[in-house]
């Protein structure tokens, strides 16, 4: 049902795969930025990077589901 709605709204498997790779890139950027924040004394600044990194498997799973639906 969700995959059907996503497909009807114009989202294709390529979009989900791209979102997965973008979230991986954002994770790296967030992690590198957190290194500077942690040097200033704030602990656990890398949690945002971990949070964003958890999005990638979801986007890739949606991409697979959409690819199967498109066939």
Protein backbone atom coordinates (compact mmCIF):
# COMPACT_ATOMS: atom_id res chain seq x y z
CA UNK A 1 0.00 0.00 0.00
CA UNK A 2 2.74 2.47 0.91
CA UNK A 3 4.82 1.50 -2.10
CA UNK A 4 1.79 1.95 -4.36
CA UNK A 5 1.15 5.44 -2.94
CA UNK A 6 4.81 6.40 -3.36
CA UNK A 7 4.77 5.16 -6.95
CA UNK A 8 1.55 7.03 -7.71
CA UNK A 9 3.04 10.23 -6.29
CA UNK A 10 5.90 10.03 -8.78
CA UNK A 11 8.65 8.58 -6.60
CA UNK A 12 10.67 5.94 -8.41
CA UNK A 13 13.28 3.48 -7.20
CA UNK A 14 16.08 5.72 -8.48
CA UNK A 15 14.87 8.50 -6.19
CA UNK A 16 14.98 6.22 -3.16
CA UNK A 17 18.45 4.96 -4.05
CA UNK A 18 19.66 8.55 -4.50
CA UNK A 19 18.22 9.47 -1.10
CA UNK A 20 20.12 6.55 0.43
CA UNK A 21 23.43 7.68 -1.02
CA UNK A 22 22.73 11.30 -0.03
CA UNK A 23 22.04 10.21 3.55
CA UNK A 24 25.38 8.39 3.60
CA UNK A 25 27.08 11.58 2.40
CA UNK A 26 25.26 13.64 5.03
CA UNK A 27 26.42 11.18 7.66
CA UNK A 28 30.05 11.70 6.70
CA UNK A 29 29.64 15.48 6.61
CA UNK A 30 27.85 15.50 9.96
CA UNK A 31 30.49 13.27 11.52
CA UNK A 32 33.35 15.47 10.32
CA UNK A 33 31.56 18.58 11.53
CA UNK A 34 30.98 16.95 14.91
CA UNK A 35 34.73 16.49 15.35
CA UNK A 36 35.09 20.28 15.53
CA UNK A 37 32.19 20.59 17.99
CA UNK A 38 33.58 17.88 20.24
CA UNK A 39 36.91 19.69 20.42
CA UNK A 40 35.01 22.64 21.90
CA UNK A 41 33.82 20.48 24.78
CA UNK A 42 30.41 19.18 23.74
CA UNK A 43 30.23 15.44 24.13
CA UNK A 44 28.29 13.15 21.83
CA UNK A 45 28.01 15.64 18.99
CA UNK A 46 28.22 12.75 16.54
CA UNK A 47 24.72 11.50 17.42
CA UNK A 48 23.20 13.47 14.54
CA UNK A 49 25.49 11.62 12.13
CA UNK A 50 24.44 8.28 13.56
CA UNK A 51 20.78 9.30 13.28
CA UNK A 52 21.12 10.31 9.63
CA UNK A 53 23.14 7.17 8.92
CA UNK A 54 20.21 5.03 9.98
CA UNK A 55 18.10 6.47 7.15
CA UNK A 56 20.15 4.83 4.38
CA UNK A 57 18.92 1.24 4.86
CA UNK A 58 15.33 2.46 4.86
CA UNK A 59 15.81 4.35 1.61
CA UNK A 60 17.54 1.37 -0.01
CA UNK A 61 14.73 -0.96 1.14
CA UNK A 62 12.16 1.43 -0.31
CA UNK A 63 14.18 1.49 -3.52
CA UNK A 64 14.06 -2.30 -3.74
CA UNK A 65 10.34 -2.36 -3.01
CA UNK A 66 9.68 0.30 -5.65
CA UNK A 67 11.86 -1.53 -8.18
CA UNK A 68 9.85 -4.71 -7.62
CA UNK A 69 6.59 -2.76 -7.91
CA UNK A 70 7.74 -1.09 -11.14
CA UNK A 71 8.27 -4.53 -12.72
